[in-house]
C-alpha cells in the first residue's frame, strides 16, 4: 500500500470541519467534495491490489479525484463558505497528487 493512502486518510480527517461548513451553504459542493476525497483513498487501495493497466487506471482515477478534492476546497474558499485552506493541508494534498502523477504514468 502506498504511504499516500494514510496521508489521504489524514486529509479526510482534516477536512471534516470544512465539509460541514460547506454543506450548510452548498450541499451539492459538500457532497462532491466528500465523494472526491473518498474516491482518492478507495482508488489508491484498489490500485495497490491490482496489476498492470488496471493499477495505472485506478491511480489515474485517484489523481483526478485528488485534484478535484483540492478544487472543491478552493471553490468553497472562493465563495466564502470556509476560511483560507491551510497551507499544510494543501501541501499534503499536493504530495498525494505528486506521488500519483509518478505512479500513474
PDB file of N, CA and C in Angstrom:
ATOM      1  N   UNK A   1       0.852  -1.179   0.000  1.00  0.00           N
ATOM      2  CA  UNK A   1       0.000   0.000   0.000  1.00  0.00           C
ATOM      3  C   UNK A   1       0.899   1.245   0.000  1.00  0.00           C
ATOM      4  N   UNK A   2       0.566   2.196  -0.838  1.00  0.00           N
ATOM      5  CA  UNK A   2       1.320   3.443  -0.889  1.00  0.00           C
ATOM      6  C   UNK A   2       1.142   4.234   0.411  1.00  0.00           C
ATOM      7  N   UNK A   3       2.188   4.948   0.830  1.00  0.00           N
ATOM      8  CA  UNK A   3       2.103   5.782   2.037  1.00  0.00           C
ATOM      9  C   UNK A   3       1.037   6.861   1.893  1.00  0.00           C
ATOM     10  N   UNK A   4       0.790   7.286   0.658  1.00  0.00           N
ATOM     11  CA  UNK A   4      -0.202   8.347   0.470  1.00  0.00           C
ATOM     12  C   UNK A   4      -1.614   7.894   0.834  1.00  0.00           C
ATOM     13  N   UNK A   5      -1.823   6.591   0.957  1.00  0.00           N
ATOM     14  CA  UNK A   5      -3.119   6.091   1.440  1.00  0.00           C
ATOM     15  C   UNK A   5      -3.386   6.682   2.824  1.00  0.00           C
ATOM     16  N   UNK A   6      -2.413   6.524   3.731  1.00  0.00           N
ATOM     17  CA  UNK A   6      -2.563   7.074   5.081  1.00  0.00           C
ATOM     18  C   UNK A   6      -2.585   8.596   5.070  1.00  0.00           C
ATOM     19  N   UNK A   7      -1.780   9.196   4.198  1.00  0.00           N
ATOM     20  CA  UNK A   7      -1.773  10.653   4.085  1.00  0.00           C
ATOM     21  C   UNK A   7      -3.157  11.172   3.693  1.00  0.00           C
ATOM     22  N   UNK A   8      -3.789  10.485   2.762  1.00  0.00           N
ATOM     23  CA  UNK A   8      -5.105  10.941   2.307  1.00  0.00           C
ATOM     24  C   UNK A   8      -6.166  10.708   3.372  1.00  0.00           C
ATOM     25  N   UNK A   9      -6.034   9.655   4.164  1.00  0.00           N
ATOM     26  CA  UNK A   9      -6.953   9.473   5.292  1.00  0.00           C
ATOM     27  C   UNK A   9      -6.820  10.631   6.277  1.00  0.00           C
ATOM     28  N   UNK A  10      -5.591  11.104   6.479  1.00  0.00           N
ATOM     29  CA  UNK A  10      -5.370  12.278   7.338  1.00  0.00           C
ATOM     30  C   UNK A  10      -6.055  13.510   6.748  1.00  0.00           C
ATOM     31  N   UNK A  11      -5.980  13.659   5.433  1.00  0.00           N
ATOM     32  CA  UNK A  11      -6.655  14.777   4.765  1.00  0.00           C
ATOM     33  C   UNK A  11      -8.161  14.689   5.030  1.00  0.00           C
ATOM     34  N   UNK A  12      -8.721  13.503   4.897  1.00  0.00           N
ATOM     35  CA  UNK A  12     -10.158  13.343   5.151  1.00  0.00           C
ATOM     36  C   UNK A  12     -10.520  13.787   6.566  1.00  0.00           C
ATOM     37  N   UNK A  13      -9.705  13.393   7.527  1.00  0.00           N
ATOM     38  CA  UNK A  13      -9.963  13.818   8.909  1.00  0.00           C
ATOM     39  C   UNK A  13      -9.864  15.342   9.042  1.00  0.00           C
ATOM     40  N   UNK A  14      -8.877  15.907   8.364  1.00  0.00           N
ATOM     41  CA  UNK A  14      -8.627  17.348   8.472  1.00  0.00           C
ATOM     42  C   UNK A  14      -9.720  18.193   7.831  1.00  0.00           C
ATOM     43  N   UNK A  15     -10.410  17.660   6.821  1.00  0.00           N
ATOM     44  CA  UNK A  15     -11.407  18.477   6.116  1.00  0.00           C
ATOM     45  C   UNK A  15     -12.828  18.282   6.641  1.00  0.00           C
ATOM     46  N   UNK A  16     -13.007  17.483   7.677  1.00  0.00           N
ATOM     47  CA  UNK A  16     -14.365  17.259   8.201  1.00  0.00           C
ATOM     48  C   UNK A  16     -15.078  18.569   8.518  1.00  0.00           C
ATOM     49  N   UNK A  17     -14.378  19.473   9.180  1.00  0.00           N
ATOM     50  CA  UNK A  17     -14.991  20.758   9.521  1.00  0.00           C
ATOM     51  C   UNK A  17     -15.343  21.571   8.292  1.00  0.00           C
ATOM     52  N   UNK A  18     -14.453  21.582   7.311  1.00  0.00           N
ATOM     53  CA  UNK A  18     -14.708  22.318   6.070  1.00  0.00           C
ATOM     54  C   UNK A  18     -15.900  21.727   5.324  1.00  0.00           C
ATOM     55  N   UNK A  19     -15.988  20.405   5.299  1.00  0.00           N
ATOM     56  CA  UNK A  19     -17.124  19.760   4.623  1.00  0.00           C
ATOM     57  C   UNK A  19     -18.427  20.187   5.296  1.00  0.00           C
ATOM     58  N   UNK A  20     -18.431  20.192   6.615  1.00  0.00           N
ATOM     59  CA  UNK A  20     -19.626  20.615   7.351  1.00  0.00           C
ATOM     60  C   UNK A  20     -19.992  22.060   7.084  1.00  0.00           C
ATOM     61  N   UNK A  21     -18.997  22.929   7.057  1.00  0.00           N
ATOM     62  CA  UNK A  21     -19.253  24.352   6.790  1.00  0.00           C
ATOM     63  C   UNK A  21     -19.767  24.565   5.370  1.00  0.00           C
ATOM     64  N   UNK A  22     -19.172  23.861   4.424  1.00  0.00           N
ATOM     65  CA  UNK A  22     -19.614  23.972   3.029  1.00  0.00           C
ATOM     66  C   UNK A  22     -21.033  23.433   2.889  1.00  0.00           C
ATOM     67  N   UNK A  23     -21.307  22.341   3.563  1.00  0.00           N
ATOM     68  CA  UNK A  23     -22.631  21.708   3.459  1.00  0.00           C
ATOM     69  C   UNK A  23     -23.761  22.647   3.885  1.00  0.00           C
ATOM     70  N   UNK A  24     -23.499  23.483   4.863  1.00  0.00           N
ATOM     71  CA  UNK A  24     -24.518  24.434   5.323  1.00  0.00           C
ATOM     72  C   UNK A  24     -24.895  25.441   4.245  1.00  0.00           C
ATOM     73  N   UNK A  25     -23.947  25.780   3.380  1.00  0.00           N
ATOM     74  CA  UNK A  25     -24.177  26.789   2.349  1.00  0.00           C
ATOM     75  C   UNK A  25     -24.412  26.201   0.968  1.00  0.00           C
ATOM     76  N   UNK A  26     -23.803  25.023   0.707  1.00  0.00           N
ATOM     77  CA  UNK A  26     -23.864  24.419  -0.625  1.00  0.00           C
ATOM     78  C   UNK A  26     -23.766  22.897  -0.506  1.00  0.00           C
ATOM     79  N   UNK A  27     -24.902  22.242  -0.225  1.00  0.00           N
ATOM     80  CA  UNK A  27     -24.881  20.786  -0.032  1.00  0.00           C
ATOM     81  C   UNK A  27     -24.308  20.020  -1.225  1.00  0.00           C
ATOM     82  N   UNK A  28     -24.540  20.508  -2.442  1.00  0.00           N
ATOM     83  CA  UNK A  28     -24.018  19.812  -3.622  1.00  0.00           C
ATOM     84  C   UNK A  28     -22.491  19.828  -3.650  1.00  0.00           C
ATOM     85  N   UNK A  29     -21.903  20.977  -3.365  1.00  0.00           N
ATOM     86  CA  UNK A  29     -20.441  21.068  -3.340  1.00  0.00           C
ATOM     87  C   UNK A  29     -19.876  20.183  -2.236  1.00  0.00           C
ATOM     88  N   UNK A  30     -20.513  20.154  -1.092  1.00  0.00           N
ATOM     89  CA  UNK A  30     -20.049  19.305   0.011  1.00  0.00           C
ATOM     90  C   UNK A  30     -20.109  17.828  -0.370  1.00  0.00           C
ATOM     91  N   UNK A  31     -21.180  17.432  -1.036  1.00  0.00           N
ATOM     92  CA  UNK A  31     -21.299  16.046  -1.499  1.00  0.00           C
ATOM     93  C   UNK A  31     -20.193  15.706  -2.488  1.00  0.00           C
ATOM     94  N   UNK A  32     -19.937  16.630  -3.406  1.00  0.00           N
ATOM     95  CA  UNK A  32     -18.899  16.412  -4.408  1.00  0.00           C
ATOM     96  C   UNK A  32     -17.525  16.308  -3.744  1.00  0.00           C
ATOM     97  N   UNK A  33     -17.264  17.166  -2.777  1.00  0.00           N
ATOM     98  CA  UNK A  33     -16.004  17.131  -2.037  1.00  0.00           C
ATOM     99  C   UNK A  33     -15.859  15.805  -1.304  1.00  0.00           C
ATOM    100  N   UNK A  34     -16.904  15.387  -0.630  1.00  0.00           N
ATOM    101  CA  UNK A  34     -16.880  14.125   0.114  1.00  0.00           C
ATOM    102  C   UNK A  34     -16.609  12.941  -0.820  1.00  0.00           C
ATOM    103  N   UNK A  35     -17.310  12.919  -1.951  1.00  0.00           N
ATOM    104  CA  UNK A  35     -17.133  11.828  -2.920  1.00  0.00           C
ATOM    105  C   UNK A  35     -15.715  11.826  -3.501  1.00  0.00           C
ATOM    106  N   UNK A  36     -15.226  13.008  -3.870  1.00  0.00           N
ATOM    107  CA  UNK A  36     -13.891  13.093  -4.476  1.00  0.00           C
ATOM    108  C   UNK A  36     -12.815  12.639  -3.495  1.00  0.00           C
ATOM    109  N   UNK A  37     -12.875  13.143  -2.270  1.00  0.00           N
ATOM    110  CA  UNK A  37     -11.858  12.787  -1.274  1.00  0.00           C
ATOM    111  C   UNK A  37     -11.908  11.297  -0.944  1.00  0.00           C
ATOM    112  N   UNK A  38     -13.101  10.765  -0.812  1.00  0.00           N
ATOM    113  CA  UNK A  38     -13.244   9.325  -0.552  1.00  0.00           C
ATOM    114  C   UNK A  38     -12.721   8.512  -1.718  1.00  0.00           C
ATOM    115  N   UNK A  39     -12.974   8.978  -2.925  1.00  0.00           N
ATOM    116  CA  UNK A  39     -12.542   8.276  -4.123  1.00  0.00           C
ATOM    117  C   UNK A  39     -11.027   8.146  -4.187  1.00  0.00           C
ATOM    118  N   UNK A  40     -10.321   9.148  -3.708  1.00  0.00           N
ATOM    119  CA  UNK A  40      -8.851   9.072  -3.714  1.00  0.00           C
ATOM    120  C   UNK A  40      -8.407   7.868  -2.891  1.00  0.00           C
ATOM    121  N   UNK A  41      -8.887   7.786  -1.676  1.00  0.00           N
ATOM    122  CA  UNK A  41      -8.495   6.700  -0.778  1.00  0.00           C
ATOM    123  C   UNK A  41      -8.901   5.345  -1.357  1.00  0.00           C
ATOM    124  N   UNK A  42     -10.123   5.246  -1.827  1.00  0.00           N
ATOM    125  CA  UNK A  42     -10.627   3.974  -2.339  1.00  0.00           C
ATOM    126  C   UNK A  42      -9.873   3.517  -3.576  1.00  0.00           C
ATOM    127  N   UNK A  43      -9.556   4.442  -4.472  1.00  0.00           N
ATOM    128  CA  UNK A  43      -8.836   4.063  -5.686  1.00  0.00           C
ATOM    129  C   UNK A  43      -7.366   3.754  -5.419  1.00  0.00           C
ATOM    130  N   UNK A  44      -6.765   4.406  -4.438  1.00  0.00           N
ATOM    131  CA  UNK A  44      -5.399   4.034  -4.048  1.00  0.00           C
ATOM    132  C   UNK A  44      -5.404   2.603  -3.522  1.00  0.00           C
ATOM    133  N   UNK A  45      -6.364   2.290  -2.674  1.00  0.00           N
ATOM    134  CA  UNK A  45      -6.453   0.934  -2.126  1.00  0.00           C
ATOM    135  C   UNK A  45      -6.678  -0.087  -3.234  1.00  0.00           C
ATOM    136  N   UNK A  46      -7.588   0.210  -4.132  1.00  0.00           N
ATOM    137  CA  UNK A  46      -7.869  -0.715  -5.228  1.00  0.00           C
ATOM    138  C   UNK A  46      -6.659  -0.866  -6.146  1.00  0.00           C
ATOM    139  N   UNK A  47      -6.003   0.242  -6.453  1.00  0.00           N
ATOM    140  CA  UNK A  47      -4.808   0.184  -7.303  1.00  0.00           C
ATOM    141  C   UNK A  47      -3.684  -0.607  -6.666  1.00  0.00           C
ATOM    142  N   UNK A  48      -3.549  -0.494  -5.359  1.00  0.00           N
ATOM    143  CA  UNK A  48      -2.481  -1.210  -4.664  1.00  0.00           C
ATOM    144  C   UNK A  48      -2.668  -2.723  -4.738  1.00  0.00           C
ATOM    145  N   UNK A  49      -3.895  -3.160  -4.955  1.00  0.00           N
ATOM    146  CA  UNK A  49      -4.156  -4.587  -5.075  1.00  0.00           C
ATOM    147  C   UNK A  49      -4.295  -5.054  -6.506  1.00  0.00           C
ATOM    148  N   UNK A  50      -3.971  -4.192  -7.442  1.00  0.00           N
ATOM    149  CA  UNK A  50      -4.125  -4.513  -8.865  1.00  0.00           C
ATOM    150  C   UNK A  50      -2.766  -4.560  -9.547  1.00  0.00           C
ATOM    151  N   UNK A  51      -2.789  -4.950 -10.816  1.00  0.00           N
ATOM    152  CA  UNK A  51      -1.560  -5.049 -11.595  1.00  0.00           C
ATOM    153  C   UNK A  51      -1.752  -4.425 -12.964  1.00  0.00           C
ATOM    154  N   UNK A  52      -0.643  -4.054 -13.592  1.00  0.00           N
ATOM    155  CA  UNK A  52      -0.658  -3.602 -14.975  1.00  0.00           C
ATOM    156  C   UNK A  52      -1.530  -2.394 -15.224  1.00  0.00           C
ATOM    157  N   UNK A  53      -2.293  -2.469 -16.319  1.00  0.00           N
ATOM    158  CA  UNK A  53      -3.125  -1.326 -16.731  1.00  0.00           C
ATOM    159  C   UNK A  53      -4.231  -1.002 -15.734  1.00  0.00           C
ATOM    160  N   UNK A  54      -4.746  -2.029 -15.062  1.00  0.00           N
ATOM    161  CA  UNK A  54      -5.796  -1.781 -14.064  1.00  0.00           C
ATOM    162  C   UNK A  54      -5.238  -0.925 -12.932  1.00  0.00           C
ATOM    163  N   UNK A  55      -4.035  -1.243 -12.475  1.00  0.00           N
ATOM    164  CA  UNK A  55      -3.395  -0.464 -11.414  1.00  0.00           C
ATOM    165  C   UNK A  55      -3.213   0.987 -11.867  1.00  0.00           C
ATOM    166  N   UNK A  56      -2.700   1.166 -13.074  1.00  0.00           N
ATOM    167  CA  UNK A  56      -2.485   2.508 -13.608  1.00  0.00           C
ATOM    168  C   UNK A  56      -3.790   3.285 -13.681  1.00  0.00           C
ATOM    169  N   UNK A  57      -4.846   2.645 -14.142  1.00  0.00           N
ATOM    170  CA  UNK A  57      -6.146   3.326 -14.254  1.00  0.00           C
ATOM    171  C   UNK A  57      -6.679   3.735 -12.885  1.00  0.00           C
ATOM    172  N   UNK A  58      -6.537   2.891 -11.884  1.00  0.00           N
ATOM    173  CA  UNK A  58      -7.009   3.238 -10.537  1.00  0.00           C
ATOM    174  C   UNK A  58      -6.228   4.435  -9.995  1.00  0.00           C
ATOM    175  N   UNK A  59      -4.923   4.430 -10.223  1.00  0.00           N
ATOM    176  CA  UNK A  59      -4.114   5.552  -9.755  1.00  0.00           C
ATOM    177  C   UNK A  59      -4.441   6.828 -10.524  1.00  0.00           C
ATOM    178  N   UNK A  60      -4.747   6.705 -11.806  1.00  0.00           N
ATOM    179  CA  UNK A  60      -5.161   7.894 -12.574  1.00  0.00           C
ATOM    180  C   UNK A  60      -6.497   8.432 -12.066  1.00  0.00           C
ATOM    181  N   UNK A  61      -7.403   7.534 -11.736  1.00  0.00           N
ATOM    182  CA  UNK A  61      -8.690   7.968 -11.174  1.00  0.00           C
ATOM    183  C   UNK A  61      -8.468   8.658  -9.833  1.00  0.00           C
ATOM    184  N   UNK A  62      -7.600   8.088  -9.003  1.00  0.00           N
ATOM    185  CA  UNK A  62      -7.273   8.706  -7.718  1.00  0.00           C
ATOM    186  C   UNK A  62      -6.670  10.086  -7.920  1.00  0.00           C
ATOM    187  N   UNK A  63      -5.812  10.212  -8.929  1.00  0.00           N
ATOM    188  CA  UNK A  63      -5.192  11.503  -9.242  1.00  0.00           C
ATOM    189  C   UNK A  63      -6.247  12.551  -9.593  1.00  0.00           C
ATOM    190  N   UNK A  64      -7.160  12.196 -10.464  1.00  0.00           N
ATOM    191  CA  UNK A  64      -8.225  13.131 -10.835  1.00  0.00           C
ATOM    192  C   UNK A  64      -9.060  13.525  -9.630  1.00  0.00           C
ATOM    193  N   UNK A  65      -9.363  12.563  -8.780  1.00  0.00           N
ATOM    194  CA  UNK A  65     -10.159  12.852  -7.586  1.00  0.00           C
ATOM    195  C   UNK A  65      -9.397  13.699  -6.584  1.00  0.00           C
ATOM    196  N   UNK A  66      -8.081  13.508  -6.490  1.00  0.00           N
ATOM    197  CA  UNK A  66      -7.271  14.340  -5.591  1.00  0.00           C
ATOM    198  C   UNK A  66      -7.289  15.791  -6.062  1.00  0.00           C
ATOM    199  N   UNK A  67      -7.155  15.968  -7.364  1.00  0.00           N
ATOM    200  CA  UNK A  67      -7.214  17.331  -7.916  1.00  0.00           C
ATOM    201  C   UNK A  67      -8.598  17.937  -7.701  1.00  0.00           C
ATOM    202  N   UNK A  68      -9.626  17.120  -7.847  1.00  0.00           N
ATOM    203  CA  UNK A  68     -10.998  17.596  -7.624  1.00  0.00           C
ATOM    204  C   UNK A  68     -11.208  17.963  -6.158  1.00  0.00           C
ATOM    205  N   UNK A  69     -10.639  17.187  -5.251  1.00  0.00           N
ATOM    206  CA  UNK A  69     -10.747  17.493  -3.816  1.00  0.00           C
ATOM    207  C   UNK A  69     -10.192  18.876  -3.526  1.00  0.00           C
ATOM    208  N   UNK A  70      -8.998  19.139  -4.042  1.00  0.00           N
ATOM    209  CA  UNK A  70      -8.382  20.449  -3.829  1.00  0.00           C
ATOM    210  C   UNK A  70      -9.208  21.557  -4.477  1.00  0.00           C
ATOM    211  N   UNK A  71      -9.725  21.291  -5.665  1.00  0.00           N
ATOM    212  CA  UNK A  71     -10.552  22.295  -6.351  1.00  0.00           C
ATOM    213  C   UNK A  71     -11.829  22.598  -5.562  1.00  0.00           C
ATOM    214  N   UNK A  72     -12.456  21.577  -5.004  1.00  0.00           N
ATOM    215  CA  UNK A  72     -13.666  21.798  -4.196  1.00  0.00           C
ATOM    216  C   UNK A  72     -13.361  22.670  -2.986  1.00  0.00           C
ATOM    217  N   UNK A  73     -12.232  22.408  -2.338  1.00  0.00           N
ATOM    218  CA  UNK A  73     -11.837  23.232  -1.189  1.00  0.00           C
ATOM    219  C   UNK A  73     -11.587  24.673  -1.618  1.00  0.00           C
ATOM    220  N   UNK A  74     -10.935  24.845  -2.749  1.00  0.00           N
ATOM    221  CA  UNK A  74     -10.658  26.192  -3.261  1.00  0.00           C
ATOM    222  C   UNK A  74     -11.941  26.928  -3.650  1.00  0.00           C
ATOM    223  N   UNK A  75     -12.897  26.211  -4.223  1.00  0.00           N
ATOM    224  CA  UNK A  75     -14.190  26.824  -4.570  1.00  0.00           C
ATOM    225  C   UNK A  75     -14.913  27.251  -3.295  1.00  0.00           C
ATOM    226  N   UNK A  76     -14.928  26.384  -2.297  1.00  0.00           N
ATOM    227  CA  UNK A  76     -15.548  26.735  -1.017  1.00  0.00           C
ATOM    228  C   UNK A  76     -14.906  27.951  -0.394  1.00  0.00           C
ATOM    229  N   UNK A  77     -13.602  28.040  -0.524  1.00  0.00           N
ATOM    230  CA  UNK A  77     -12.851  29.194  -0.029  1.00  0.00           C
ATOM    231  C   UNK A  77     -13.218  30.452  -0.826  1.00  0.00           C
ATOM    232  N   UNK A  78     -13.224  30.332  -2.154  1.00  0.00           N
ATOM    233  CA  UNK A  78     -13.512  31.484  -3.020  1.00  0.00           C
ATOM    234  C   UNK A  78     -14.919  32.023  -2.812  1.00  0.00           C
ATOM    235  N   UNK A  79     -15.847  31.129  -2.512  1.00  0.00           N
ATOM    236  CA  UNK A  79     -17.229  31.548  -2.304  1.00  0.00           C
ATOM    237  C   UNK A  79     -17.515  31.972  -0.867  1.00  0.00           C
ATOM    238  N   UNK A  80     -16.498  31.912  -0.011  1.00  0.00           N
ATOM    239  CA  UNK A  80     -16.655  32.372   1.365  1.00  0.00           C
ATOM    240  C   UNK A  80     -17.324  31.370   2.285  1.00  0.00           C
ATOM    241  N   UNK A  81     -17.394  30.116   1.883  1.00  0.00           N
ATOM    242  CA  UNK A  81     -18.005  29.089   2.726  1.00  0.00           C
ATOM    243  C   UNK A  81     -17.066  28.637   3.833  1.00  0.00           C
ATOM    244  N   UNK A  82     -15.757  28.716   3.559  1.00  0.00           N
ATOM    245  CA  UNK A  82     -14.728  28.332   4.535  1.00  0.00           C
ATOM    246  C   UNK A  82     -13.615  29.374   4.496  1.00  0.00           C
ATOM    247  N   UNK A  83     -12.855  29.382   5.571  1.00  0.00           N
ATOM    248  CA  UNK A  83     -11.681  30.255   5.626  1.00  0.00           C
ATOM    249  C   UNK A  83     -10.625  29.724   4.660  1.00  0.00           C
ATOM    250  N   UNK A  84      -9.553  30.441   4.546  1.00  0.00           N
ATOM    251  CA  UNK A  84      -8.454  30.028   3.681  1.00  0.00           C
ATOM    252  C   UNK A  84      -8.020  28.609   4.025  1.00  0.00           C
ATOM    253  N   UNK A  85      -7.860  27.794   2.998  1.00  0.00           N
ATOM    254  CA  UNK A  85      -7.411  26.419   3.202  1.00  0.00           C
ATOM    255  C   UNK A  85      -5.967  26.475   3.713  1.00  0.00           C
ATOM    256  N   UNK A  86      -5.707  25.831   4.857  1.00  0.00           N
ATOM    257  CA  UNK A  86      -4.356  25.896   5.427  1.00  0.00           C
ATOM    258  C   UNK A  86      -3.280  25.391   4.460  1.00  0.00           C
ATOM    259  N   UNK A  87      -2.163  26.071   4.458  1.00  0.00           N
ATOM    260  CA  UNK A  87      -1.047  25.717   3.580  1.00  0.00           C
ATOM    261  C   UNK A  87      -0.590  24.285   3.819  1.00  0.00           C
ATOM    262  N   UNK A  88      -0.566  23.855   5.064  1.00  0.00           N
ATOM    263  CA  UNK A  88      -0.132  22.492   5.374  1.00  0.00           C
ATOM    264  C   UNK A  88      -1.058  21.461   4.736  1.00  0.00           C
ATOM    265  N   UNK A  89      -2.351  21.763   4.698  1.00  0.00           N
ATOM    266  CA  UNK A  89      -3.319  20.848   4.088  1.00  0.00           C
ATOM    267  C   UNK A  89      -3.137  20.790   2.577  1.00  0.00           C
ATOM    268  N   UNK A  90      -2.968  21.952   1.954  1.00  0.00           N
ATOM    269  CA  UNK A  90      -2.765  21.943   0.505  1.00  0.00           C
ATOM    270  C   UNK A  90      -1.436  21.259   0.154  1.00  0.00           C
ATOM    271  N   UNK A  91      -0.424  21.436   1.001  1.00  0.00           N
ATOM    272  CA  UNK A  91       0.862  20.767   0.769  1.00  0.00           C
ATOM    273  C   UNK A  91       0.702  19.253   0.866  1.00  0.00           C
ATOM    274  N   UNK A  92      -0.104  18.800   1.805  1.00  0.00           N
ATOM    275  CA  UNK A  92      -0.331  17.364   1.950  1.00  0.00           C
ATOM    276  C   UNK A  92      -1.069  16.802   0.728  1.00  0.00           C
ATOM    277  N   UNK A  93      -2.078  17.514   0.259  1.00  0.00           N
ATOM    278  CA  UNK A  93      -2.790  17.080  -0.948  1.00  0.00           C
ATOM    279  C   UNK A  93      -1.858  17.134  -2.153  1.00  0.00           C
ATOM    280  N   UNK A  94      -1.019  18.155  -2.226  1.00  0.00           N
ATOM    281  CA  UNK A  94      -0.054  18.254  -3.327  1.00  0.00           C
ATOM    282  C   UNK A  94       0.927  17.079  -3.328  1.00  0.00           C
ATOM    283  N   UNK A  95       1.322  16.606  -2.138  1.00  0.00           N
ATOM    284  CA  UNK A  95       2.204  15.430  -2.057  1.00  0.00           C
ATOM    285  C   UNK A  95       1.495  14.190  -2.599  1.00  0.00           C
ATOM    286  N   UNK A  96       0.216  14.055  -2.246  1.00  0.00           N
ATOM    287  CA  UNK A  96      -0.579  12.932  -2.757  1.00  0.00           C
ATOM    288  C   UNK A  96      -0.639  13.018  -4.280  1.00  0.00           C
ATOM    289  N   UNK A  97      -0.943  14.211  -4.792  1.00  0.00           N
ATOM    290  CA  UNK A  97      -1.021  14.417  -6.239  1.00  0.00           C
ATOM    291  C   UNK A  97       0.315  14.103  -6.900  1.00  0.00           C
ATOM    292  N   UNK A  98       1.403  14.600  -6.337  1.00  0.00           N
ATOM    293  CA  UNK A  98       2.725  14.359  -6.903  1.00  0.00           C
ATOM    294  C   UNK A  98       3.067  12.871  -6.977  1.00  0.00           C
ATOM    295  N   UNK A  99       2.757  12.153  -5.936  1.00  0.00           N
ATOM    296  CA  UNK A  99       3.020  10.711  -5.938  1.00  0.00           C
ATOM    297  C   UNK A  99       2.158  10.020  -6.991  1.00  0.00           C
ATOM    298  N   UNK A 100       0.906  10.400  -7.070  1.00  0.00           N
ATOM    299  CA  UNK A 100       0.017   9.780  -8.051  1.00  0.00           C
ATOM    300  C   UNK A 100       0.440  10.088  -9.474  1.00  0.00           C
ATOM    301  N   UNK A 101       0.951  11.282  -9.714  1.00  0.00           N
ATOM    302  CA  UNK A 101       1.458  11.625 -11.050  1.00  0.00           C
ATOM    303  C   UNK A 101       2.572  10.644 -11.427  1.00  0.00           C
ATOM    304  N   UNK A 102       3.442  10.365 -10.481  1.00  0.00           N
ATOM    305  CA  UNK A 102       4.567   9.456 -10.761  1.00  0.00           C
ATOM    306  C   UNK A 102       4.105   8.010 -10.972  1.00  0.00           C
ATOM    307  N   UNK A 103       3.194   7.518 -10.138  1.00  0.00           N
ATOM    308  CA  UNK A 103       2.810   6.106 -10.242  1.00  0.00           C
ATOM    309  C   UNK A 103       1.767   5.853 -11.328  1.00  0.00           C
ATOM    310  N   UNK A 104       1.103   6.905 -11.786  1.00  0.00           N
ATOM    311  CA  UNK A 104       0.058   6.732 -12.810  1.00  0.00           C
ATOM    312  C   UNK A 104       0.591   6.967 -14.213  1.00  0.00           C
ATOM    313  N   UNK A 105       1.883   7.206 -14.326  1.00  0.00           N
ATOM    314  CA  UNK A 105       2.468   7.492 -15.643  1.00  0.00           C
ATOM    315  C   UNK A 105       2.610   6.228 -16.471  1.00  0.00           C
TER     316      UNK A 105
END
